[in-house]
Amino acid sequence: MSSRSIDSLTGLPGLRGTEHIGFTVPDLEEATSFFVDIIGCEYMFELGPFVAENDWMATHLNVHPRAVMRRLRFFRCKYGPNFEIFQYESPDQNLIQPKNSDIGGHHLAFYVDDFDTAIAYLSAKGVQLLGERTIRTSGPNAGQTWIYFLSPWGMQFELVSFPNGKGYEATTISRLWHPANPAA
């Protein structure tokens, strides 16, 4: 392919989707228990530890050169991207969980078919729900119900469901991807 045809493409050539999402947790055993026993992900494999005596960690991962990746584990979570979960130790490590409003703040959203059953399940497992469910009745997200919840280490998650679609779908043939309709 010529450089001219590469320049004329829109977006990353060959992009197929999100293969995995990686994040760091303070305790890999606690995170494994949460993702397997509460969320229902499947543990796949573990790697590590990774330690470099040179600047490999800084050059390749943009972390402190003396950072140690104690272990990492991969999980498959039904019909969405895989999770790569790390446990690091680093001289400059920030031990505070970022809020959504912080730079780098984030949350993971899980689509569920039956919102009421999922809420009851999380409540029965002692998971902290943040507030009450929000039901969107107008705008692009009309038809969507959601609620945030926290992992044991304070990471933010969201349950979301829109079994009859979302409001924006009335104005376009384009569709956001979601696990209940992977062909969209």
C-alpha atoms as a PDB file:
ATOM      1  CA  MET A   1       0.000   0.000   0.000  1.00  0.00           C
ATOM      2  CA  SER A   2       1.430   3.391  -0.912  1.00  0.00           C
ATOM      3  CA  SER A   3       1.911   6.096   1.696  1.00  0.00           C
ATOM      4  CA  ARG A   4      -0.731   8.171  -0.117  1.00  0.00           C
ATOM      5  CA  SER A   5      -3.406   5.500   0.341  1.00  0.00           C
ATOM      6  CA  ILE A   6      -2.446   5.074   4.025  1.00  0.00           C
ATOM      7  CA  ASP A   7      -2.787   8.834   4.526  1.00  0.00           C
ATOM      8  CA  SER A   8      -6.252   8.807   2.950  1.00  0.00           C
ATOM      9  CA  LEU A   9      -7.639   6.214   5.388  1.00  0.00           C
ATOM     10  CA  THR A  10      -9.834   7.306   8.254  1.00  0.00           C
ATOM     11  CA  GLY A  11      -8.730   5.795  11.524  1.00  0.00           C
ATOM     12  CA  LEU A  12      -6.412   2.972  12.427  1.00  0.00           C
ATOM     13  CA  PRO A  13      -5.937   0.569   9.499  1.00  0.00           C
ATOM     14  CA  GLY A  14      -7.341  -2.879  10.252  1.00  0.00           C
ATOM     15  CA  LEU A  15      -9.115  -1.843  13.467  1.00  0.00           C
ATOM     16  CA  ARG A  16     -11.506  -4.602  14.575  1.00  0.00           C
ATOM     17  CA  GLY A  17     -12.414  -3.499  18.095  1.00  0.00           C
ATOM     18  CA  THR A  18     -11.226  -3.433  21.700  1.00  0.00           C
ATOM     19  CA  GLU A  19      -9.256  -6.597  22.549  1.00  0.00           C
ATOM     20  CA  HIS A  20      -8.604  -5.807  26.205  1.00  0.00           C
ATOM     21  CA  ILE A  21      -8.731  -3.105  28.849  1.00  0.00           C
ATOM     22  CA  GLY A  22      -5.885  -2.987  31.370  1.00  0.00           C
ATOM     23  CA  PHE A  23      -5.918  -1.470  34.837  1.00  0.00           C
ATOM     24  CA  THR A  24      -3.946  -1.670  38.061  1.00  0.00           C
ATOM     25  CA  VAL A  25      -5.371  -2.843  41.381  1.00  0.00           C
ATOM     26  CA  PRO A  26      -3.868  -2.784  44.888  1.00  0.00           C
ATOM     27  CA  ASP A  27      -4.441  -6.500  45.575  1.00  0.00           C
ATOM     28  CA  LEU A  28      -4.622  -8.991  42.706  1.00  0.00           C
ATOM     29  CA  GLU A  29      -6.195 -11.749  44.844  1.00  0.00           C
ATOM     30  CA  GLU A  30      -9.001  -9.426  45.984  1.00  0.00           C
ATOM     31  CA  ALA A  31      -9.555  -8.263  42.398  1.00  0.00           C
ATOM     32  CA  THR A  32      -9.599 -11.848  41.119  1.00  0.00           C
ATOM     33  CA  SER A  33     -12.224 -12.792  43.682  1.00  0.00           C
ATOM     34  CA  PHE A  34     -14.337  -9.757  42.753  1.00  0.00           C
ATOM     35  CA  PHE A  35     -14.167 -10.326  38.997  1.00  0.00           C
ATOM     36  CA  VAL A  36     -14.682 -14.099  39.142  1.00  0.00           C
ATOM     37  CA  ASP A  37     -17.019 -14.553  42.130  1.00  0.00           C
ATOM     38  CA  ILE A  38     -19.093 -11.345  41.908  1.00  0.00           C
ATOM     39  CA  ILE A  39     -18.979 -10.165  38.282  1.00  0.00           C
ATOM     40  CA  GLY A  40     -18.721 -13.605  36.686  1.00  0.00           C
ATOM     41  CA  CYS A  41     -15.599 -13.202  34.557  1.00  0.00           C
ATOM     42  CA  GLU A  42     -13.462 -16.211  33.703  1.00  0.00           C
ATOM     43  CA  TYR A  43      -9.831 -16.229  34.876  1.00  0.00           C
ATOM     44  CA  MET A  44      -7.579 -17.202  31.965  1.00  0.00           C
ATOM     45  CA  PHE A  45      -3.884 -16.971  32.924  1.00  0.00           C
ATOM     46  CA  GLU A  46      -1.214 -15.155  34.950  1.00  0.00           C
ATOM     47  CA  LEU A  47       2.174 -13.655  34.072  1.00  0.00           C
ATOM     48  CA  GLY A  48       4.948 -12.098  36.114  1.00  0.00           C
ATOM     49  CA  PRO A  49       6.795 -10.863  37.936  1.00  0.00           C
ATOM     50  CA  PHE A  50       8.477  -8.413  35.573  1.00  0.00           C
ATOM     51  CA  VAL A  51      11.519  -6.520  36.846  1.00  0.00           C
ATOM     52  CA  ALA A  52      14.021  -4.589  34.730  1.00  0.00           C
ATOM     53  CA  GLU A  53      17.461  -3.425  35.849  1.00  0.00           C
ATOM     54  CA  ASN A  54      17.690  -0.917  32.985  1.00  0.00           C
ATOM     55  CA  ASP A  55      15.169   1.632  31.667  1.00  0.00           C
ATOM     56  CA  TRP A  56      12.961  -0.943  29.922  1.00  0.00           C
ATOM     57  CA  MET A  57       9.926  -0.238  32.150  1.00  0.00           C
ATOM     58  CA  ALA A  58      10.165   3.510  31.517  1.00  0.00           C
ATOM     59  CA  THR A  59      10.830   3.134  27.789  1.00  0.00           C
ATOM     60  CA  HIS A  60       8.147   0.527  27.030  1.00  0.00           C
ATOM     61  CA  LEU A  61       5.467   1.157  29.678  1.00  0.00           C
ATOM     62  CA  ASN A  62       5.996   4.823  30.665  1.00  0.00           C
ATOM     63  CA  VAL A  63       6.338   3.925  34.354  1.00  0.00           C
ATOM     64  CA  HIS A  64       9.173   4.506  36.833  1.00  0.00           C
ATOM     65  CA  PRO A  65      12.281   2.566  35.684  1.00  0.00           C
ATOM     66  CA  ARG A  66      12.340   0.658  39.007  1.00  0.00           C
ATOM     67  CA  ALA A  67       8.631  -0.216  38.893  1.00  0.00           C
ATOM     68  CA  VAL A  68       7.954  -3.905  39.459  1.00  0.00           C
ATOM     69  CA  MET A  69       4.961  -5.556  37.861  1.00  0.00           C
ATOM     70  CA  ARG A  70       4.358  -8.208  40.522  1.00  0.00           C
ATOM     71  CA  ARG A  71       1.766 -10.124  38.515  1.00  0.00           C
ATOM     72  CA  LEU A  72      -0.869  -9.627  35.899  1.00  0.00           C
ATOM     73  CA  ARG A  73      -3.900 -11.727  35.112  1.00  0.00           C
ATOM     74  CA  PHE A  74      -6.165 -11.949  32.095  1.00  0.00           C
ATOM     75  CA  PHE A  75      -9.919 -12.436  32.381  1.00  0.00           C
ATOM     76  CA  ARG A  76     -12.654 -12.997  29.833  1.00  0.00           C
ATOM     77  CA  CYS A  77     -15.886 -11.226  30.675  1.00  0.00           C
ATOM     78  CA  LYS A  78     -18.680 -12.745  28.597  1.00  0.00           C
ATOM     79  CA  TYR A  79     -19.174 -10.855  25.299  1.00  0.00           C
ATOM     80  CA  GLY A  80     -17.033  -7.765  25.817  1.00  0.00           C
ATOM     81  CA  PRO A  81     -13.327  -7.028  25.849  1.00  0.00           C
ATOM     82  CA  ASN A  82     -10.914  -8.997  28.002  1.00  0.00           C
ATOM     83  CA  PHE A  83      -9.443  -7.468  31.176  1.00  0.00           C
ATOM     84  CA  GLU A  84      -5.709  -7.364  31.916  1.00  0.00           C
ATOM     85  CA  ILE A  85      -5.350  -6.660  35.631  1.00  0.00           C
ATOM     86  CA  PHE A  86      -1.978  -5.630  37.076  1.00  0.00           C
ATOM     87  CA  GLN A  87      -0.457  -5.427  40.529  1.00  0.00           C
ATOM     88  CA  TYR A  88       2.522  -3.046  40.536  1.00  0.00           C
ATOM     89  CA  GLU A  89       4.980  -1.709  43.076  1.00  0.00           C
ATOM     90  CA  SER A  90       6.760   1.517  42.182  1.00  0.00           C
ATOM     91  CA  PRO A  91       8.744   4.210  44.031  1.00  0.00           C
ATOM     92  CA  ASP A  92       6.410   6.906  42.638  1.00  0.00           C
ATOM     93  CA  GLN A  93       3.136   4.961  42.804  1.00  0.00           C
ATOM     94  CA  ASN A  94      -0.050   6.917  43.488  1.00  0.00           C
ATOM     95  CA  LEU A  95      -2.121   4.845  45.926  1.00  0.00           C
ATOM     96  CA  ILE A  96      -5.287   6.971  45.614  1.00  0.00           C
ATOM     97  CA  GLN A  97      -8.060   5.619  43.343  1.00  0.00           C
ATOM     98  CA  PRO A  98      -8.899   8.381  40.798  1.00  0.00           C
ATOM     99  CA  LYS A  99     -12.412   9.796  40.731  1.00  0.00           C
ATOM    100  CA  ASN A 100     -14.291  10.019  37.426  1.00  0.00           C
ATOM    101  CA  SER A 101     -13.620  13.770  37.487  1.00  0.00           C
ATOM    102  CA  ASP A 102      -9.817  13.292  37.739  1.00  0.00           C
ATOM    103  CA  ILE A 103      -7.587  13.232  34.676  1.00  0.00           C
ATOM    104  CA  GLY A 104      -7.313   9.525  33.936  1.00  0.00           C
ATOM    105  CA  GLY A 105     -10.496   8.861  35.892  1.00  0.00           C
ATOM    106  CA  HIS A 106     -12.557   6.055  34.454  1.00  0.00           C
ATOM    107  CA  HIS A 107     -15.232   3.472  35.002  1.00  0.00           C
ATOM    108  CA  LEU A 108     -16.154   0.153  33.410  1.00  0.00           C
ATOM    109  CA  ALA A 109     -19.759  -0.410  32.370  1.00  0.00           C
ATOM    110  CA  PHE A 110     -21.385  -3.836  32.251  1.00  0.00           C
ATOM    111  CA  TYR A 111     -24.477  -4.350  30.105  1.00  0.00           C
ATOM    112  CA  VAL A 112     -27.105  -6.572  31.750  1.00  0.00           C
ATOM    113  CA  ASP A 113     -30.305  -8.007  30.318  1.00  0.00           C
ATOM    114  CA  ASP A 114     -32.331  -7.766  33.545  1.00  0.00           C
ATOM    115  CA  PHE A 115     -31.479  -4.634  35.511  1.00  0.00           C
ATOM    116  CA  ASP A 116     -33.624  -5.447  38.576  1.00  0.00           C
ATOM    117  CA  THR A 117     -32.125  -8.916  38.953  1.00  0.00           C
ATOM    118  CA  ALA A 118     -28.579  -7.533  38.602  1.00  0.00           C
ATOM    119  CA  ILE A 119     -29.210  -4.835  41.253  1.00  0.00           C
ATOM    120  CA  ALA A 120     -30.673  -7.395  43.662  1.00  0.00           C
ATOM    121  CA  TYR A 121     -27.681  -9.691  43.065  1.00  0.00           C
ATOM    122  CA  LEU A 122     -25.098  -6.950  43.754  1.00  0.00           C
ATOM    123  CA  SER A 123     -26.991  -5.853  46.863  1.00  0.00           C
ATOM    124  CA  ALA A 124     -27.115  -9.432  48.148  1.00  0.00           C
ATOM    125  CA  LYS A 125     -23.335  -9.710  47.629  1.00  0.00           C
ATOM    126  CA  GLY A 126     -22.757  -6.566  49.724  1.00  0.00           C
ATOM    127  CA  VAL A 127     -21.541  -4.452  46.800  1.00  0.00           C
ATOM    128  CA  GLN A 128     -21.830  -0.692  47.432  1.00  0.00           C
ATOM    129  CA  LEU A 129     -24.284   0.906  45.000  1.00  0.00           C
ATOM    130  CA  LEU A 130     -23.943   4.651  44.450  1.00  0.00           C
ATOM    131  CA  GLY A 131     -27.346   6.281  44.788  1.00  0.00           C
ATOM    132  CA  GLU A 132     -30.442   5.006  43.042  1.00  0.00           C
ATOM    133  CA  ARG A 133     -30.865   3.847  39.463  1.00  0.00           C
ATOM    134  CA  THR A 134     -31.103   6.566  36.840  1.00  0.00           C
ATOM    135  CA  ILE A 135     -33.701   6.108  34.127  1.00  0.00           C
ATOM    136  CA  ARG A 136     -33.326   8.194  30.973  1.00  0.00           C
ATOM    137  CA  THR A 137     -36.649   9.108  29.371  1.00  0.00           C
ATOM    138  CA  SER A 138     -35.522  11.688  26.820  1.00  0.00           C
ATOM    139  CA  GLY A 139     -32.530  12.591  24.678  1.00  0.00           C
ATOM    140  CA  PRO A 140     -30.004  10.315  23.005  1.00  0.00           C
ATOM    141  CA  ASN A 141     -29.921   7.915  25.992  1.00  0.00           C
ATOM    142  CA  ALA A 142     -33.713   7.607  26.350  1.00  0.00           C
ATOM    143  CA  GLY A 143     -34.552   4.036  27.271  1.00  0.00           C
ATOM    144  CA  GLN A 144     -31.344   3.491  29.258  1.00  0.00           C
ATOM    145  CA  THR A 145     -31.185   2.625  32.950  1.00  0.00           C
ATOM    146  CA  TRP A 146     -27.897   2.796  34.845  1.00  0.00           C
ATOM    147  CA  ILE A 147     -26.302   2.846  38.301  1.00  0.00           C
ATOM    148  CA  TYR A 148     -22.713   3.084  39.509  1.00  0.00           C
ATOM    149  CA  PHE A 149     -21.192   0.676  42.032  1.00  0.00           C
ATOM    150  CA  LEU A 150     -17.790   0.232  43.674  1.00  0.00           C
ATOM    151  CA  SER A 151     -15.297  -2.611  43.839  1.00  0.00           C
ATOM    152  CA  PRO A 152     -13.842  -3.458  47.263  1.00  0.00           C
ATOM    153  CA  TRP A 153     -10.813  -1.232  46.468  1.00  0.00           C
ATOM    154  CA  GLY A 154     -12.979   1.721  45.327  1.00  0.00           C
ATOM    155  CA  MET A 155     -12.846   1.398  41.538  1.00  0.00           C
ATOM    156  CA  GLN A 156     -16.009   2.649  39.843  1.00  0.00           C
ATOM    157  CA  PHE A 157     -18.229   0.387  37.759  1.00  0.00           C
ATOM    158  CA  GLU A 158     -21.598   0.840  36.121  1.00  0.00           C
ATOM    159  CA  LEU A 159     -24.536  -1.407  35.329  1.00  0.00           C
ATOM    160  CA  VAL A 160     -26.409  -0.363  32.209  1.00  0.00           C
ATOM    161  CA  SER A 161     -29.382  -1.743  30.326  1.00  0.00           C
ATOM    162  CA  PHE A 162     -31.485  -0.563  27.397  1.00  0.00           C
ATOM    163  CA  PRO A 163     -33.407  -3.605  26.181  1.00  0.00           C
ATOM    164  CA  ASN A 164     -35.546  -1.547  23.778  1.00  0.00           C
ATOM    165  CA  GLY A 165     -32.681   0.524  22.419  1.00  0.00           C
ATOM    166  CA  LYS A 166     -31.718   4.146  22.980  1.00  0.00           C
ATOM    167  CA  GLY A 167     -33.309   7.382  21.859  1.00  0.00           C
ATOM    168  CA  TYR A 168     -30.598   8.308  19.348  1.00  0.00           C
ATOM    169  CA  GLU A 169     -31.467   5.195  17.322  1.00  0.00           C
ATOM    170  CA  ALA A 170     -34.621   6.934  16.007  1.00  0.00           C
ATOM    171  CA  THR A 171     -32.505   9.498  14.153  1.00  0.00           C
ATOM    172  CA  THR A 172     -29.733   7.388  12.558  1.00  0.00           C
ATOM    173  CA  ILE A 173     -28.991   3.959  11.173  1.00  0.00           C
ATOM    174  CA  SER A 174     -25.603   4.005  12.979  1.00  0.00           C
ATOM    175  CA  ARG A 175     -25.439   2.123  16.276  1.00  0.00           C
ATOM    176  CA  LEU A 176     -23.134   2.088  19.251  1.00  0.00           C
ATOM    177  CA  TRP A 177     -21.788  -1.398  19.892  1.00  0.00           C
ATOM    178  CA  HIS A 178     -23.092  -3.291  22.921  1.00  0.00           C
ATOM    179  CA  PRO A 179     -22.936  -6.946  23.961  1.00  0.00           C
ATOM    180  CA  ALA A 180     -26.650  -7.582  23.431  1.00  0.00           C
ATOM    181  CA  ASN A 181     -26.315  -6.606  19.771  1.00  0.00           C
ATOM    182  CA  PRO A 182     -22.731  -7.353  18.683  1.00  0.00           C
ATOM    183  CA  ALA A 183     -23.496  -7.001  14.963  1.00  0.00           C
ATOM    184  CA  ALA A 184     -24.542  -3.345  15.367  1.00  0.00           C
END
